[in-house]
Protein backbone atom coordinates (compact mmCIF):
# COMPACT_ATOMS: atom_id res chain seq x y z
CA MET A 1 232.18 195.32 -66.20
CA LYS A 2 232.27 191.91 -67.65
CA THR A 3 233.93 191.42 -71.08
CA PRO A 4 231.59 189.02 -73.22
CA SER A 5 232.98 185.71 -74.24
CA LEU A 6 233.80 184.99 -77.85
CA TYR A 7 230.97 182.10 -77.73
CA ALA A 8 228.40 184.92 -76.84
CA ILE A 9 229.34 187.41 -79.68
CA ALA A 10 229.51 184.55 -82.15
CA LEU A 11 226.18 183.54 -80.71
CA ALA A 12 224.24 187.17 -81.20
CA ALA A 13 225.91 187.20 -84.72
CA VAL A 14 224.14 184.22 -85.78
CA ALA A 15 220.60 185.34 -84.24
CA LEU A 16 221.01 188.65 -86.38
CA THR A 17 222.31 186.88 -89.27
CA GLN A 18 218.73 184.65 -88.85
CA GLY A 19 216.79 187.30 -88.48
CA ASN A 20 218.08 189.09 -91.63
CA LEU A 21 217.86 185.75 -93.98
CA ASP A 22 214.57 185.59 -92.83
CA ARG A 23 213.58 189.57 -94.00
CA ALA A 24 215.64 188.91 -96.91
CA TYR A 25 213.33 185.81 -98.46
CA ALA A 26 210.46 188.02 -98.00
CA ASP A 27 208.49 189.40 -100.87
CA THR A 28 206.50 192.12 -101.73
CA GLY A 29 203.27 191.54 -103.33
CA SER A 30 200.09 193.45 -104.57
CA VAL A 31 196.63 193.44 -102.92
CA ALA A 32 193.17 194.45 -103.55
CA VAL A 33 190.08 194.38 -101.54
CA VAL A 34 186.59 195.02 -101.62
CA PHE A 35 185.38 195.79 -97.82
CA THR A 36 181.86 196.54 -96.75
CA LYS A 37 180.80 197.90 -93.27
CA GLY A 38 178.16 198.93 -91.23
CA GLY A 39 176.98 199.44 -87.91
CA LEU A 40 175.59 201.59 -85.18
CA ILE A 41 178.50 201.57 -82.15
CA LEU A 42 179.79 197.70 -83.36
CA GLY A 43 180.95 197.59 -86.71
CA ILE A 44 180.62 194.70 -88.63
CA GLY A 45 182.07 193.98 -92.34
CA GLY A 46 183.70 191.76 -94.77
CA GLY A 47 184.81 191.03 -98.69
CA GLU A 48 187.24 189.53 -100.37
CA GLY A 49 190.34 190.23 -102.06
CA VAL A 50 193.36 188.84 -104.20
CA LEU A 51 196.77 188.91 -103.22
CA THR A 52 199.30 188.68 -106.43
CA LEU A 53 202.62 187.36 -105.82
CA HIS A 54 204.85 186.51 -108.63
CA GLY A 55 202.41 186.63 -111.27
CA LYS A 56 200.05 183.89 -109.61
CA ARG A 57 196.99 185.05 -107.86
CA TYR A 58 195.74 184.20 -103.74
CA PRO A 59 191.99 185.19 -103.41
CA PHE A 60 191.01 185.52 -99.56
CA THR A 61 188.03 186.10 -97.32
CA VAL A 62 188.52 189.33 -95.12
CA SER A 63 185.98 189.63 -92.23
CA GLY A 64 186.33 192.28 -89.24
CA MET A 65 184.82 194.01 -86.45
CA SER A 66 185.43 197.32 -84.71
CA VAL A 67 184.08 198.83 -81.62
CA GLY A 68 184.28 202.05 -80.35
CA PHE A 69 181.70 204.96 -82.30
CA THR A 70 180.73 203.86 -85.88
CA ILE A 71 177.68 205.00 -87.36
CA GLY A 72 176.40 204.33 -91.17
CA ALA A 73 177.53 201.98 -93.64
CA SER A 74 180.42 201.90 -96.46
CA THR A 75 181.90 200.19 -99.18
CA THR A 76 186.12 200.87 -99.69
CA LYS A 77 187.78 199.54 -102.49
CA LEU A 78 191.38 199.16 -101.54
CA THR A 79 194.71 198.41 -103.31
CA GLY A 80 198.20 198.49 -101.95
CA ARG A 81 200.99 196.51 -101.37
CA ALA A 82 201.68 193.78 -98.96
CA LEU A 83 205.56 193.20 -97.31
CA ASN A 84 207.30 191.13 -96.02
CA VAL A 85 205.31 188.11 -97.53
CA THR A 86 207.28 184.57 -96.94
CA SER A 87 204.64 182.46 -98.61
CA PRO A 88 201.22 183.01 -99.41
CA ARG A 89 200.22 181.75 -96.40
CA SER A 90 202.03 184.44 -94.25
CA ILE A 91 199.07 186.85 -95.26
CA GLU A 92 196.47 184.84 -93.28
CA GLY A 93 195.98 186.23 -89.75
CA SER A 94 194.34 188.75 -87.48
CA TYR A 95 195.59 192.53 -88.31
CA GLY A 96 194.93 194.78 -85.46
CA ILE A 97 193.62 198.67 -86.65
CA LEU A 98 193.78 201.49 -84.49
CA GLY A 99 192.14 204.80 -86.04
CA ALA A 100 189.46 206.93 -86.77
CA GLY A 101 188.15 207.49 -90.54
CA GLY A 102 185.19 208.76 -92.20
CA ALA A 103 183.35 209.32 -95.64
CA VAL A 104 180.43 210.94 -96.55
CA VAL A 105 178.96 209.55 -99.72
CA ALA A 106 182.56 209.53 -101.38
CA GLY A 107 185.88 209.73 -100.03
CA ALA A 108 189.25 207.97 -99.53
CA GLY A 109 190.08 205.65 -97.07
CA GLY A 110 193.73 204.25 -96.02
CA VAL A 111 195.35 201.97 -93.56
CA GLN A 112 198.57 200.32 -92.64
CA LEU A 113 198.09 196.93 -90.83
CA GLN A 114 200.30 194.08 -89.51
CA ASN A 115 199.95 190.52 -88.50
CA ALA A 116 201.57 188.10 -86.50
CA ASN A 117 203.69 186.80 -89.43
CA GLY A 118 205.12 190.29 -89.81
CA VAL A 119 203.51 190.81 -92.80
CA ILE A 120 202.45 194.82 -93.24
CA LEU A 121 199.21 195.97 -95.74
CA GLN A 122 199.92 199.41 -97.06
CA LEU A 123 196.25 199.81 -98.64
CA SER A 124 194.22 202.99 -100.21
CA GLY A 125 191.08 203.61 -101.84
CA PRO A 126 187.96 205.12 -102.42
CA LYS A 127 185.37 204.79 -100.10
CA VAL A 128 181.45 205.11 -100.92
CA GLY A 129 178.88 205.38 -98.25
CA ALA A 130 178.02 207.56 -95.32
CA GLU A 131 179.72 206.66 -92.13
CA LEU A 132 181.81 208.05 -89.61
CA SER A 133 184.08 205.75 -86.83
CA ALA A 134 186.38 206.21 -84.18
CA ALA A 135 186.93 202.71 -83.30
CA THR A 136 189.77 199.94 -82.33
CA GLY A 137 189.37 196.93 -84.17
CA GLY A 138 190.54 194.24 -86.46
CA VAL A 139 190.28 191.90 -89.64
CA THR A 140 191.14 188.45 -90.43
CA ILE A 141 192.38 187.25 -93.61
CA ARG A 142 192.11 183.57 -94.68
CA LEU A 143 193.00 182.16 -98.35
CA LYS A 144 190.28 180.75 -100.20
């Protein structure tokens, strides 16, 4: 078995340290989103939200689509946390969703999403309407 050189060990240590430094500078913010969705097989939705970070508010728009079994319409008011936020712009991008859920008249919804920037949204809240879904899809967030 070949023993790694001191250079290789030092290079690996620098790479690990850089990854930890990036995470060390990441913050946690709060998020509030109102999202309305409707459809039959193909679900389409959109809404608005606000990221609050260090006492400042950053409004954004959210749009999305799902493919699979979706029937009905619902409005969900979600609140939660945005983890691993390195800047307000890091919340932008596409977030993938995989799951099943539903609401009849009123219920609760919850989701955890992650974008390519490493931002994780942990959201939950009441869902109002009549919708059943078992679909895959995603949402896109853009700052206003």
